[in-house]
């Protein structure tokens, strides 16, 4: 982290944290998701459950990769999204 902070030349830019922790963490999440959905014909639902996904850094990264993702904050909202997803898949 200190290395990236130093080479960025920008104090308080958080680039060191991003390169040392955030980006590698996102990569691990994406690798795990890739183990669930393995081909273009696979169908499934991934839940990213962590407060970090509310931060703009993570939201921006994942919204670029998963532009059709939904933010769900209630059990009834999750139930609705799951039912809608599987109804669409069965058509």
C-alpha atoms as a PDB file:
ATOM      1  CA  UNK A   1       0.000   0.000   0.000  1.00  0.00           C
ATOM      2  CA  UNK A   2       2.792   2.389   0.901  1.00  0.00           C
ATOM      3  CA  UNK A   3       4.509   1.625  -2.401  1.00  0.00           C
ATOM      4  CA  UNK A   4       1.458   2.564  -4.472  1.00  0.00           C
ATOM      5  CA  UNK A   5       0.837   5.660  -2.377  1.00  0.00           C
ATOM      6  CA  UNK A   6       4.423   6.700  -2.962  1.00  0.00           C
ATOM      7  CA  UNK A   7       4.476   6.155  -6.726  1.00  0.00           C
ATOM      8  CA  UNK A   8       1.096   7.839  -7.269  1.00  0.00           C
ATOM      9  CA  UNK A   9       2.529  11.085  -5.942  1.00  0.00           C
ATOM     10  CA  UNK A  10      -0.905  12.081  -4.696  1.00  0.00           C
ATOM     11  CA  UNK A  11      -1.420  12.376  -0.975  1.00  0.00           C
ATOM     12  CA  UNK A  12      -4.694  11.001   0.350  1.00  0.00           C
ATOM     13  CA  UNK A  13      -5.573   9.541  -3.053  1.00  0.00           C
ATOM     14  CA  UNK A  14      -6.286   6.079  -1.582  1.00  0.00           C
ATOM     15  CA  UNK A  15      -4.606   4.547  -4.634  1.00  0.00           C
ATOM     16  CA  UNK A  16      -2.380   2.490  -2.372  1.00  0.00           C
ATOM     17  CA  UNK A  17      -5.392   0.981  -0.624  1.00  0.00           C
ATOM     18  CA  UNK A  18      -7.154   0.392  -3.937  1.00  0.00           C
ATOM     19  CA  UNK A  19      -4.216  -1.411  -5.535  1.00  0.00           C
ATOM     20  CA  UNK A  20      -3.183  -3.326  -2.417  1.00  0.00           C
ATOM     21  CA  UNK A  21      -6.600  -4.373  -1.110  1.00  0.00           C
ATOM     22  CA  UNK A  22      -9.676  -3.273  -3.082  1.00  0.00           C
ATOM     23  CA  UNK A  23      -8.752  -4.464  -6.582  1.00  0.00           C
ATOM     24  CA  UNK A  24      -7.338  -7.834  -5.459  1.00  0.00           C
ATOM     25  CA  UNK A  25     -10.468  -8.328  -3.331  1.00  0.00           C
ATOM     26  CA  UNK A  26     -12.722  -7.559  -6.293  1.00  0.00           C
ATOM     27  CA  UNK A  27     -10.736  -9.997  -8.395  1.00  0.00           C
ATOM     28  CA  UNK A  28     -11.352 -12.761  -5.859  1.00  0.00           C
ATOM     29  CA  UNK A  29     -15.078 -12.007  -5.841  1.00  0.00           C
ATOM     30  CA  UNK A  30     -15.179 -12.141  -9.644  1.00  0.00           C
ATOM     31  CA  UNK A  31     -13.270 -15.424  -9.670  1.00  0.00           C
ATOM     32  CA  UNK A  32     -15.776 -16.906  -7.237  1.00  0.00           C
ATOM     33  CA  UNK A  33     -18.666 -15.680  -9.377  1.00  0.00           C
ATOM     34  CA  UNK A  34     -17.022 -17.280 -12.397  1.00  0.00           C
ATOM     35  CA  UNK A  35     -17.088 -20.611 -10.617  1.00  0.00           C
ATOM     36  CA  UNK A  36     -20.862 -20.343 -10.285  1.00  0.00           C
ATOM     37  CA  UNK A  37     -21.693 -19.158 -13.791  1.00  0.00           C
ATOM     38  CA  UNK A  38     -19.325 -21.149 -16.001  1.00  0.00           C
ATOM     39  CA  UNK A  39     -20.809 -20.864 -19.490  1.00  0.00           C
ATOM     40  CA  UNK A  40     -23.112 -18.656 -21.516  1.00  0.00           C
ATOM     41  CA  UNK A  41     -25.936 -21.163 -21.115  1.00  0.00           C
ATOM     42  CA  UNK A  42     -25.706 -21.347 -17.314  1.00  0.00           C
ATOM     43  CA  UNK A  43     -28.365 -19.516 -15.379  1.00  0.00           C
ATOM     44  CA  UNK A  44     -28.059 -18.383 -11.820  1.00  0.00           C
ATOM     45  CA  UNK A  45     -28.304 -15.617  -9.311  1.00  0.00           C
ATOM     46  CA  UNK A  46     -25.344 -14.186  -7.426  1.00  0.00           C
ATOM     47  CA  UNK A  47     -25.710 -12.294  -4.185  1.00  0.00           C
ATOM     48  CA  UNK A  48     -22.957  -9.919  -3.158  1.00  0.00           C
ATOM     49  CA  UNK A  49     -23.627  -9.433   0.532  1.00  0.00           C
ATOM     50  CA  UNK A  50     -21.261  -7.027   2.230  1.00  0.00           C
ATOM     51  CA  UNK A  51     -21.319  -3.381   3.257  1.00  0.00           C
ATOM     52  CA  UNK A  52     -18.353  -2.725   0.959  1.00  0.00           C
ATOM     53  CA  UNK A  53     -20.590  -3.090  -2.079  1.00  0.00           C
ATOM     54  CA  UNK A  54     -22.282   0.143  -1.002  1.00  0.00           C
ATOM     55  CA  UNK A  55     -19.024   2.094  -1.461  1.00  0.00           C
ATOM     56  CA  UNK A  56     -18.695   3.941  -4.751  1.00  0.00           C
ATOM     57  CA  UNK A  57     -15.396   2.244  -5.646  1.00  0.00           C
ATOM     58  CA  UNK A  58     -16.920  -1.222  -5.495  1.00  0.00           C
ATOM     59  CA  UNK A  59     -20.248  -0.116  -6.970  1.00  0.00           C
ATOM     60  CA  UNK A  60     -18.444   1.397  -9.961  1.00  0.00           C
ATOM     61  CA  UNK A  61     -16.325  -1.691 -10.575  1.00  0.00           C
ATOM     62  CA  UNK A  62     -19.173  -4.162 -10.315  1.00  0.00           C
ATOM     63  CA  UNK A  63     -21.735  -2.060 -12.192  1.00  0.00           C
ATOM     64  CA  UNK A  64     -19.358  -1.989 -15.153  1.00  0.00           C
ATOM     65  CA  UNK A  65     -19.025  -5.779 -15.090  1.00  0.00           C
ATOM     66  CA  UNK A  66     -22.639  -6.513 -14.139  1.00  0.00           C
ATOM     67  CA  UNK A  67     -24.675  -3.626 -15.620  1.00  0.00           C
ATOM     68  CA  UNK A  68     -27.971  -5.459 -15.075  1.00  0.00           C
ATOM     69  CA  UNK A  69     -27.381  -5.967 -11.344  1.00  0.00           C
ATOM     70  CA  UNK A  70     -29.994  -4.893  -8.826  1.00  0.00           C
ATOM     71  CA  UNK A  71     -29.483  -3.452  -5.380  1.00  0.00           C
ATOM     72  CA  UNK A  72     -31.813  -5.242  -3.001  1.00  0.00           C
ATOM     73  CA  UNK A  73     -32.115  -4.197   0.626  1.00  0.00           C
ATOM     74  CA  UNK A  74     -35.153  -6.101   1.885  1.00  0.00           C
ATOM     75  CA  UNK A  75     -36.171  -9.732   2.038  1.00  0.00           C
ATOM     76  CA  UNK A  76     -39.303  -8.999   0.025  1.00  0.00           C
ATOM     77  CA  UNK A  77     -37.202  -7.224  -2.608  1.00  0.00           C
ATOM     78  CA  UNK A  78     -34.921 -10.245  -2.851  1.00  0.00           C
ATOM     79  CA  UNK A  79     -37.905 -12.570  -3.141  1.00  0.00           C
ATOM     80  CA  UNK A  80     -39.343 -10.442  -5.948  1.00  0.00           C
ATOM     81  CA  UNK A  81     -36.031 -10.323  -7.869  1.00  0.00           C
ATOM     82  CA  UNK A  82     -35.514 -14.083  -7.543  1.00  0.00           C
ATOM     83  CA  UNK A  83     -39.050 -14.868  -8.701  1.00  0.00           C
ATOM     84  CA  UNK A  84     -38.735 -12.465 -11.641  1.00  0.00           C
ATOM     85  CA  UNK A  85     -35.333 -13.870 -12.606  1.00  0.00           C
ATOM     86  CA  UNK A  86     -36.497 -17.488 -12.652  1.00  0.00           C
ATOM     87  CA  UNK A  87     -39.723 -16.607 -14.487  1.00  0.00           C
ATOM     88  CA  UNK A  88     -37.654 -14.885 -17.181  1.00  0.00           C
ATOM     89  CA  UNK A  89     -35.301 -17.885 -17.376  1.00  0.00           C
ATOM     90  CA  UNK A  90     -38.155 -20.334 -17.889  1.00  0.00           C
ATOM     91  CA  UNK A  91     -39.524 -18.484 -20.934  1.00  0.00           C
END
